[in-house]
Amino acid sequence: MLNRFLFRRIDNSSLIIFRIFFGILVALESYGAIITGWIRKTLIEPSFTFNFIGFEWLQPLPGNGMYFYFFVMGTLGVFIAIGYKYRFSVISFFILWTAVYLMQKTSYNNHYYLLVLITLIMCFLPAEKSNSLDVKQDRVVQSNSMYAYVKWIVVAQLFVVYTYASVAKMYGDWLDFGMLKLLMQSKADYYVIGTFLQQHWVHVIMGVFGILFDLLVIPALLYKPTRKIAFFLSIFFHLFNAVVFQIGIFPFLSLAFTVFFFEPEIIRKIFFKKKELYSVKEIGKPNYANLLKGVFGVYFMIQILLPIRHHFIKDNVLWTEEGHRLSWRMMLRSRRGSILFKVVNKKTGKASYIKQEKYLTHKQRARVAAYPDFIWQFAQHIKKEYQEKGEEVSVYAINSKISINARPMKNFINPEIDLANTPWNHFSHNNWILTSQLTDE
């Protein structure tokens, strides 16, 4: 039964048009990072970047190197769209994008992580088999069909993303619409819609719709009687997000995914009128079938377990942030904080205090004040700087306070722990983070 489900051959029009949309969008994302100044502000201006812990060896290229880096990524996106040396192009883009994702997290975005995963999946899909330069230049044999597993892998990934995004919203600060109020406060000066976005009834609609849309959109797109309604709601939802939250290509990438839910006849009629429609629906188990089931079985097991790992880590993830990333916890909290770093020379006992503006950009200072991994990494950076001057030091985070979702400021980091000489725990609670003081105040 599983083999019949996964290895039935179906028309590949949805995959081909998605490849084109995907290539165009990642090209725009890469070129846009150059044009908008994102690269300058995020990778060039900072004296150092906050990598994902364990990837400190991934550093931005010196000088203007990152402009060239993103130009190459944009060009690879164009190559993906036109199907030019597709396999090389998509694998190269995956490596470069993943590297830049791990290189910095000051501008962390769940959508960047999704792009890592989708690009990884695209590395294994036969998206160059039609309407590509690879076919025209005889690098691959043309085919108008694909195995059904291609569609279901993409659908399964989307189901994981949307379902966890919905479940994560089912907590107090979202359900009382306070989080929506906070999110919309920064949009008050938007032309025309700014005042509208401050209305409580708007927050209620957004809060309820956000949960229901994420929870139901994939099943509704799969079910033919509700497909068109779900599609038009998707257009509204994602374009609203594009305008209000200005989150780059993600709303448009999300709309591009919908091509996997429509009948091949519709996709071919709209986008590939000259393409022959495959309708034989033969079943043939490829020689790599068992390997594929094993690899993607492990992959999806990881995708299912990663978002719930915070339940196995002590304390509240809203407070500690431990287990927050890679879990589709989107737009769920607002954090601000204040902190002072004290450096103590181990030999002389002399203490001094760090002027953070000497080391950090404004955005980095906001992260360091409120996020424990940033706090720990900054302590490591200070330790390294002093070591280069021949000094062994201890680094303490004193007067560390945070506010979550506009609650009163509370003590956050144990001021007696030497963070410079304390290891980071990847898979368990870091005890120098004080016990959660979240309340309903």
Protein backbone atom coordinates (compact mmCIF):
# COMPACT_ATOMS: atom_id res chain seq x y z
CA MET A 1 0.00 0.00 0.00
CA LEU A 2 2.77 2.46 0.95
CA ASN A 3 4.68 1.66 -2.25
CA ARG A 4 1.56 2.26 -4.34
CA PHE A 5 1.05 5.59 -2.58
CA LEU A 6 4.66 6.81 -2.88
CA PHE A 7 5.78 5.34 -6.18
CA ARG A 8 2.81 5.89 -8.46
CA ARG A 9 3.92 8.12 -11.29
CA ILE A 10 2.08 11.44 -11.67
CA ASP A 11 2.41 14.49 -13.88
CA ASN A 12 5.35 16.70 -12.81
CA SER A 13 3.95 20.12 -13.83
CA SER A 14 3.62 21.23 -10.19
CA LEU A 15 7.28 20.48 -9.45
CA ILE A 16 8.48 22.22 -12.60
CA ILE A 17 6.57 25.43 -11.99
CA PHE A 18 7.59 25.38 -8.33
CA ARG A 19 11.25 25.15 -9.42
CA ILE A 20 10.76 28.26 -11.53
CA PHE A 21 8.98 30.18 -8.75
CA PHE A 22 11.52 29.00 -6.19
CA GLY A 23 14.51 30.07 -8.29
CA ILE A 24 13.04 33.51 -8.97
CA LEU A 25 12.22 34.07 -5.29
CA VAL A 26 15.61 33.03 -3.91
CA ALA A 27 17.28 35.18 -6.54
CA LEU A 28 15.18 38.16 -5.42
CA GLU A 29 15.98 37.38 -1.77
CA SER A 30 19.71 37.30 -2.48
CA TYR A 31 19.88 40.35 -4.73
CA GLY A 32 17.48 42.16 -2.39
CA ALA A 33 19.85 41.62 0.54
CA ILE A 34 22.43 43.61 -1.41
CA ILE A 35 20.10 46.38 -2.52
CA THR A 36 18.31 46.94 0.81
CA GLY A 37 21.50 47.13 2.86
CA TRP A 38 20.76 43.93 4.82
CA ILE A 39 24.26 42.60 4.11
CA ARG A 40 25.92 45.83 5.17
CA LYS A 41 23.94 46.11 8.43
CA THR A 42 24.06 42.41 9.34
CA LEU A 43 27.38 41.06 8.06
CA ILE A 44 29.73 43.95 7.31
CA GLU A 45 29.17 46.68 9.90
CA PRO A 46 29.32 44.45 13.03
CA SER A 47 32.83 43.87 14.35
CA PHE A 48 31.80 40.23 14.84
CA THR A 49 28.67 38.15 14.30
CA PHE A 50 26.75 35.91 16.66
CA ASN A 51 26.95 32.52 14.97
CA PHE A 52 24.91 29.52 15.90
CA ILE A 53 26.91 28.08 18.80
CA GLY A 54 29.39 25.55 17.44
CA PHE A 55 29.73 27.27 14.08
CA GLU A 56 32.11 30.04 15.11
CA TRP A 57 34.41 29.00 12.27
CA LEU A 58 31.81 30.31 9.81
CA GLN A 59 32.70 33.97 9.43
CA PRO A 60 31.64 36.61 6.89
CA LEU A 61 34.07 37.20 4.06
CA PRO A 62 36.27 40.26 4.61
CA GLY A 63 35.73 43.60 2.92
CA ASN A 64 33.00 43.51 0.33
CA GLY A 65 33.20 39.74 -0.03
CA MET A 66 29.68 39.15 1.21
CA TYR A 67 28.27 41.28 -1.61
CA PHE A 68 29.92 38.92 -4.08
CA TYR A 69 28.72 35.95 -2.02
CA PHE A 70 25.08 37.02 -2.26
CA PHE A 71 25.45 37.95 -5.93
CA VAL A 72 26.59 34.39 -6.58
CA MET A 73 23.57 33.07 -4.62
CA GLY A 74 21.24 35.27 -6.65
CA THR A 75 22.76 34.03 -9.88
CA LEU A 76 22.38 30.43 -8.72
CA GLY A 77 18.71 31.23 -8.10
CA VAL A 78 18.38 32.33 -11.72
CA PHE A 79 20.07 29.12 -12.85
CA ILE A 80 17.61 27.10 -10.75
CA ALA A 81 14.66 28.93 -12.31
CA ILE A 82 15.80 28.29 -15.90
CA GLY A 83 17.02 24.78 -15.10
CA TYR A 84 20.66 25.40 -16.01
CA LYS A 85 22.93 22.78 -14.45
CA TYR A 86 20.15 22.41 -11.92
CA ARG A 87 21.72 19.84 -9.61
CA PHE A 88 24.94 21.83 -9.25
CA SER A 89 23.05 25.09 -8.86
CA VAL A 90 20.61 23.95 -6.18
CA ILE A 91 23.24 22.09 -4.16
CA SER A 92 25.56 25.11 -4.33
CA PHE A 93 22.76 27.42 -3.25
CA PHE A 94 21.89 25.11 -0.37
CA ILE A 95 25.49 25.13 0.89
CA LEU A 96 25.86 28.90 0.59
CA TRP A 97 22.46 29.72 2.12
CA THR A 98 22.91 27.29 5.00
CA ALA A 99 26.35 28.77 5.71
CA VAL A 100 25.00 32.31 5.87
CA TYR A 101 22.07 31.11 8.03
CA LEU A 102 24.48 29.60 10.55
CA MET A 103 26.85 32.55 10.27
CA GLN A 104 24.61 34.98 12.11
CA LYS A 105 21.43 34.91 14.19
CA THR A 106 21.00 38.57 15.10
CA SER A 107 18.51 38.72 12.24
CA TYR A 108 17.14 35.24 12.89
CA ASN A 109 13.98 34.34 11.05
CA ASN A 110 12.07 31.05 10.96
CA HIS A 111 11.60 31.60 7.26
CA TYR A 112 15.36 31.46 6.70
CA TYR A 113 15.32 28.04 8.35
CA LEU A 114 12.42 26.90 6.16
CA LEU A 115 14.42 27.95 3.11
CA VAL A 116 17.31 25.77 4.32
CA LEU A 117 14.98 22.78 4.55
CA ILE A 118 13.19 23.33 1.25
CA THR A 119 16.47 23.83 -0.60
CA LEU A 120 17.80 20.62 0.94
CA ILE A 121 14.71 18.76 -0.28
CA MET A 122 15.01 20.34 -3.73
CA CYS A 123 18.54 18.92 -4.02
CA PHE A 124 16.97 15.45 -4.31
CA LEU A 125 13.98 16.20 -6.52
CA PRO A 126 13.96 15.79 -10.34
CA ALA A 127 12.90 19.38 -10.93
CA GLU A 128 15.01 19.80 -14.07
CA LYS A 129 13.26 17.09 -16.09
CA SER A 130 11.07 19.46 -18.11
CA ASN A 131 11.09 23.08 -19.32
CA SER A 132 14.76 23.50 -18.49
CA LEU A 133 18.01 24.30 -20.24
CA ASP A 134 19.33 20.98 -18.98
CA VAL A 135 16.75 19.23 -21.19
CA LYS A 136 17.32 21.51 -24.16
CA GLN A 137 21.08 21.04 -23.93
CA ASP A 138 20.74 17.26 -23.51
CA ARG A 139 22.20 17.09 -20.00
CA VAL A 140 19.14 15.21 -18.75
CA VAL A 141 16.45 13.14 -20.41
CA GLN A 142 13.09 14.88 -20.56
CA SER A 143 10.23 13.45 -18.54
CA ASN A 144 6.69 14.63 -17.98
CA SER A 145 6.18 12.54 -14.86
CA MET A 146 7.54 12.07 -11.36
CA TYR A 147 6.97 9.71 -8.47
CA ALA A 148 4.16 10.75 -6.13
CA TYR A 149 6.56 10.87 -3.17
CA VAL A 150 7.95 14.13 -4.58
CA LYS A 151 4.63 15.84 -3.92
CA TRP A 152 4.08 14.20 -0.54
CA ILE A 153 7.50 15.10 0.81
CA VAL A 154 6.77 18.78 0.21
CA VAL A 155 3.24 18.47 1.61
CA ALA A 156 4.52 16.67 4.72
CA GLN A 157 7.11 19.39 5.36
CA LEU A 158 4.47 22.09 5.06
CA PHE A 159 2.11 20.16 7.34
CA VAL A 160 4.79 20.03 10.05
CA VAL A 161 5.50 23.77 9.74
CA TYR A 162 1.91 24.96 9.80
CA THR A 163 0.69 22.54 12.45
CA TYR A 164 3.43 23.42 14.93
CA ALA A 165 2.96 27.12 14.18
CA SER A 166 -0.71 26.76 15.10
CA VAL A 167 -0.15 24.72 18.26
CA ALA A 168 2.53 27.14 19.48
CA LYS A 169 -0.01 30.00 19.36
CA MET A 170 -2.29 28.21 21.81
CA TYR A 171 -0.93 29.89 24.92
CA GLY A 172 -2.10 32.70 27.17
CA ASP A 173 -0.50 35.77 25.60
CA TRP A 174 -1.81 34.85 22.15
CA LEU A 175 -5.22 33.66 23.30
CA ASP A 176 -5.92 36.90 25.19
CA PHE A 177 -4.72 38.80 22.08
CA GLY A 178 -2.14 40.74 24.08
CA MET A 179 0.65 39.51 21.81
CA LEU A 180 -1.21 40.80 18.76
CA LYS A 181 -1.61 44.18 20.44
CA LEU A 182 2.16 44.32 21.01
CA LEU A 183 2.93 43.26 17.45
CA MET A 184 0.65 45.91 16.00
CA GLN A 185 1.93 48.80 18.14
CA SER A 186 4.99 49.11 15.91
CA LYS A 187 2.71 49.35 12.86
CA ALA A 188 0.76 52.37 14.09
CA ASP A 189 2.45 54.74 11.64
CA TYR A 190 1.63 52.60 8.59
CA TYR A 191 -0.11 54.63 5.91
CA VAL A 192 -3.92 54.08 5.86
CA ILE A 193 -3.94 50.79 7.82
CA GLY A 194 -1.89 51.86 10.86
CA THR A 195 -4.86 53.05 12.94
CA PHE A 196 -6.96 50.12 11.78
CA LEU A 197 -4.34 47.68 13.08
CA GLN A 198 -4.63 49.08 16.61
CA GLN A 199 -8.27 48.05 17.03
CA HIS A 200 -8.97 45.26 19.53
CA TRP A 201 -11.50 43.56 17.26
CA VAL A 202 -8.81 43.36 14.58
CA HIS A 203 -6.49 41.64 17.07
CA VAL A 204 -9.26 39.15 17.91
CA ILE A 205 -9.82 38.29 14.25
CA MET A 206 -6.08 38.00 13.60
CA GLY A 207 -5.52 35.82 16.66
CA VAL A 208 -8.32 33.36 15.92
CA PHE A 209 -7.69 33.31 12.19
CA GLY A 210 -3.94 32.78 12.72
CA ILE A 211 -4.52 29.62 14.76
CA LEU A 212 -7.25 28.21 12.52
CA PHE A 213 -5.48 29.02 9.26
CA ASP A 214 -2.22 27.36 10.28
CA LEU A 215 -4.04 24.33 11.66
CA LEU A 216 -6.43 23.75 8.75
CA VAL A 217 -4.90 25.17 5.58
CA ILE A 218 -2.98 22.04 4.52
CA PRO A 219 -5.93 19.64 5.02
CA ALA A 220 -8.23 22.18 3.32
CA LEU A 221 -5.93 22.44 0.31
CA LEU A 222 -5.75 18.65 0.04
CA TYR A 223 -9.55 18.26 0.14
CA LYS A 224 -10.96 19.19 -3.26
CA PRO A 225 -14.29 20.71 -2.10
CA THR A 226 -12.45 23.21 0.14
CA ARG A 227 -9.37 23.73 -2.03
CA LYS A 228 -10.40 26.94 -3.76
CA ILE A 229 -11.57 28.55 -0.52
CA ALA A 230 -8.29 27.60 1.16
CA PHE A 231 -6.33 28.96 -1.79
CA PHE A 232 -8.06 32.37 -1.75
CA LEU A 233 -7.69 32.55 2.04
CA SER A 234 -4.00 31.77 1.55
CA ILE A 235 -3.66 34.66 -0.89
CA PHE A 236 -5.28 37.02 1.61
CA PHE A 237 -3.33 35.68 4.60
CA HIS A 238 0.10 35.77 2.98
CA LEU A 239 -0.34 39.10 1.21
CA PHE A 240 -1.54 40.60 4.50
CA ASN A 241 1.64 39.27 6.16
CA ALA A 242 3.74 40.62 3.30
CA VAL A 243 2.34 44.13 3.74
CA VAL A 244 2.11 44.26 7.54
CA PHE A 245 5.18 42.31 8.63
CA GLN A 246 7.44 42.86 5.59
CA ILE A 247 9.07 39.43 5.84
CA GLY A 248 10.71 39.18 2.45
CA ILE A 249 9.92 36.35 0.07
CA PHE A 250 8.24 34.03 2.57
CA PRO A 251 4.58 34.96 1.85
CA PHE A 252 5.21 34.49 -1.88
CA LEU A 253 7.11 31.24 -1.32
CA SER A 254 4.15 30.02 0.73
CA LEU A 255 1.82 30.82 -2.15
CA ALA A 256 4.17 29.05 -4.56
CA PHE A 257 3.78 25.86 -2.52
CA THR A 258 0.07 25.75 -3.35
CA VAL A 259 0.86 24.44 -6.85
CA PHE A 260 1.40 21.01 -5.27
CA PHE A 261 -2.26 20.86 -4.23
CA PHE A 262 -3.94 21.44 -7.58
CA GLU A 263 -4.62 18.89 -10.30
CA PRO A 264 -1.86 18.61 -12.94
CA GLU A 265 -4.38 19.49 -15.65
CA ILE A 266 -4.95 22.90 -14.06
CA ILE A 267 -1.24 23.60 -13.56
CA ARG A 268 -0.40 22.55 -17.12
CA LYS A 269 -3.27 24.58 -18.58
CA ILE A 270 -2.15 27.74 -16.77
CA PHE A 271 1.63 27.50 -17.08
CA PHE A 272 2.63 24.85 -19.66
CA LYS A 273 0.08 24.77 -22.47
CA LYS A 274 2.54 23.07 -24.80
CA LYS A 275 3.65 20.49 -22.25
CA GLU A 276 2.31 16.97 -22.72
CA LEU A 277 0.13 15.86 -19.79
CA TYR A 278 1.14 12.60 -18.16
CA SER A 279 -1.89 10.50 -17.20
CA VAL A 280 -0.77 6.85 -17.31
CA LYS A 281 -0.33 6.63 -13.50
CA GLU A 282 1.84 3.53 -13.66
CA ILE A 283 3.43 2.19 -10.50
CA GLY A 284 7.09 1.24 -10.39
CA LYS A 285 9.25 0.81 -7.32
CA PRO A 286 12.70 2.35 -7.98
CA ASN A 287 15.85 0.56 -6.81
CA TYR A 288 16.45 3.33 -4.26
CA ALA A 289 12.98 3.01 -2.70
CA ASN A 290 14.09 1.51 0.62
CA LEU A 291 16.93 4.01 0.97
CA LEU A 292 14.56 6.89 0.25
CA LYS A 293 12.02 5.70 2.82
CA GLY A 294 14.78 5.31 5.40
CA VAL A 295 16.37 8.71 4.78
CA PHE A 296 13.14 10.67 4.74
CA GLY A 297 11.76 8.64 7.62
CA VAL A 298 14.70 9.82 9.74
CA TYR A 299 14.38 13.35 8.35
CA PHE A 300 10.72 13.69 9.30
CA MET A 301 11.27 12.08 12.67
CA ILE A 302 13.78 14.87 13.37
CA GLN A 303 11.32 17.46 12.08
CA ILE A 304 8.62 16.13 14.41
CA LEU A 305 10.86 15.92 17.48
CA LEU A 306 12.83 19.20 17.19
CA PRO A 307 9.82 21.49 17.77
CA ILE A 308 8.83 19.71 20.98
CA ARG A 309 12.29 19.45 22.56
CA HIS A 310 11.61 22.43 24.83
CA HIS A 311 9.11 20.26 26.74
CA PHE A 312 12.06 18.14 27.87
CA ILE A 313 14.16 21.12 28.99
CA LYS A 314 13.63 22.62 32.42
CA ASP A 315 11.58 25.81 32.73
CA ASN A 316 9.43 27.85 30.35
CA VAL A 317 10.76 28.28 26.81
CA LEU A 318 9.30 31.80 26.70
CA TRP A 319 11.67 32.66 29.53
CA THR A 320 14.79 30.63 28.74
CA GLU A 321 14.56 30.55 24.91
CA GLU A 322 16.03 27.03 25.14
CA GLY A 323 14.40 25.00 22.38
CA HIS A 324 12.81 28.03 20.72
CA ARG A 325 14.67 28.03 17.42
CA LEU A 326 13.96 25.44 14.72
CA SER A 327 10.51 24.86 16.22
CA TRP A 328 8.16 27.12 14.21
CA ARG A 329 7.40 29.32 17.21
CA MET A 330 6.65 32.39 15.12
CA MET A 331 5.67 35.87 16.37
CA LEU A 332 4.99 34.56 19.88
CA ARG A 333 6.98 36.86 22.13
CA SER A 334 8.52 40.26 22.53
CA ARG A 335 11.70 40.50 24.61
CA ARG A 336 13.63 43.50 25.87
CA GLY A 337 16.25 43.69 28.55
CA SER A 338 19.13 45.47 30.20
CA ILE A 339 22.49 44.06 31.22
CA LEU A 340 25.94 45.05 32.44
CA PHE A 341 29.07 42.95 31.99
CA LYS A 342 31.74 42.90 34.68
CA VAL A 343 35.22 41.62 33.85
CA VAL A 344 37.50 40.43 36.66
CA ASN A 345 41.21 39.76 36.15
CA LYS A 346 41.84 36.32 37.67
CA LYS A 347 45.37 37.19 38.73
CA THR A 348 44.95 40.69 40.16
CA GLY A 349 41.25 40.67 41.03
CA LYS A 350 40.82 44.02 39.31
CA ALA A 351 37.29 44.57 38.00
CA SER A 352 36.13 46.65 35.05
CA TYR A 353 32.91 47.10 33.12
CA ILE A 354 32.32 46.62 29.41
CA LYS A 355 31.07 49.42 27.18
CA GLN A 356 28.88 47.38 24.87
CA GLU A 357 28.60 50.07 22.22
CA LYS A 358 32.33 49.58 21.60
CA TYR A 359 31.68 46.03 20.42
CA LEU A 360 28.07 45.79 19.28
CA THR A 361 25.63 47.37 16.87
CA HIS A 362 22.33 48.67 18.22
CA LYS A 363 20.49 45.53 17.11
CA GLN A 364 23.14 43.26 18.63
CA ARG A 365 22.94 45.13 21.95
CA ALA A 366 19.19 44.51 22.05
CA ARG A 367 19.78 40.79 21.50
CA VAL A 368 22.56 40.58 24.09
CA ALA A 369 20.37 42.25 26.68
CA ALA A 370 17.53 39.75 26.32
CA TYR A 371 18.71 36.39 24.96
CA PRO A 372 20.79 33.93 27.02
CA ASP A 373 22.82 32.46 24.15
CA PHE A 374 23.82 35.96 23.03
CA ILE A 375 24.80 36.78 26.61
CA TRP A 376 26.97 33.67 26.86
CA GLN A 377 28.57 34.21 23.45
CA PHE A 378 29.40 37.82 24.23
CA ALA A 379 31.09 36.68 27.45
CA GLN A 380 33.15 34.24 25.37
CA HIS A 381 34.08 37.01 22.96
CA ILE A 382 35.25 39.25 25.82
CA LYS A 383 37.27 36.38 27.30
CA LYS A 384 38.96 35.77 23.94
CA GLU A 385 39.83 39.43 23.52
CA TYR A 386 41.47 39.59 26.93
CA GLN A 387 43.34 36.33 26.29
CA GLU A 388 44.86 37.89 23.18
CA LYS A 389 46.22 40.62 25.48
CA GLY A 390 47.65 38.00 27.82
CA GLU A 391 44.98 38.26 30.54
CA GLU A 392 42.84 35.50 32.01
CA VAL A 393 39.50 36.90 33.10
CA SER A 394 36.12 36.00 34.49
CA VAL A 395 33.02 37.60 32.97
CA TYR A 396 29.81 38.17 34.92
CA ALA A 397 26.41 39.37 33.72
CA ILE A 398 25.20 41.70 36.44
CA ASN A 399 21.96 43.66 36.71
CA SER A 400 20.51 41.43 34.00
CA LYS A 401 16.77 42.00 33.69
CA ILE A 402 14.27 41.14 30.99
CA SER A 403 10.68 41.91 30.12
CA ILE A 404 8.67 39.41 28.09
CA ASN A 405 5.54 40.56 26.28
CA ALA A 406 5.60 43.92 28.07
CA ARG A 407 5.56 42.43 31.59
CA PRO A 408 7.57 44.15 34.35
CA MET A 409 11.34 43.67 34.20
CA LYS A 410 12.59 40.63 36.14
CA ASN A 411 16.05 39.35 37.10
CA PHE A 412 17.32 37.00 34.41
CA ILE A 413 20.96 35.85 34.78
CA ASN A 414 22.73 34.68 37.94
CA PRO A 415 25.30 37.46 38.57
CA GLU A 416 27.62 35.11 40.48
CA ILE A 417 28.31 32.73 37.57
CA ASP A 418 31.48 33.21 35.54
CA LEU A 419 30.01 32.93 32.04
CA ALA A 420 33.41 33.10 30.36
CA ASN A 421 34.39 29.80 31.95
CA THR A 422 31.03 28.02 31.91
CA PRO A 423 30.21 25.62 29.05
CA TRP A 424 27.07 25.98 26.98
CA ASN A 425 24.55 23.15 27.27
CA HIS A 426 23.00 22.44 23.88
CA PHE A 427 20.48 19.84 24.99
CA SER A 428 19.66 20.71 28.58
CA HIS A 429 18.93 23.71 30.77
CA ASN A 430 21.68 26.22 31.52
CA ASN A 431 21.37 26.70 35.28
CA TRP A 432 22.83 30.21 35.28
CA ILE A 433 19.52 31.35 33.78
CA LEU A 434 17.42 32.21 36.80
CA THR A 435 14.15 30.39 37.39
CA SER A 436 11.25 31.71 35.35
CA GLN A 437 9.51 34.73 36.84
CA LEU A 438 6.76 34.93 34.24
CA THR A 439 3.45 36.08 35.66
CA ASP A 440 0.16 37.32 34.28
CA GLU A 441 0.87 40.89 35.41
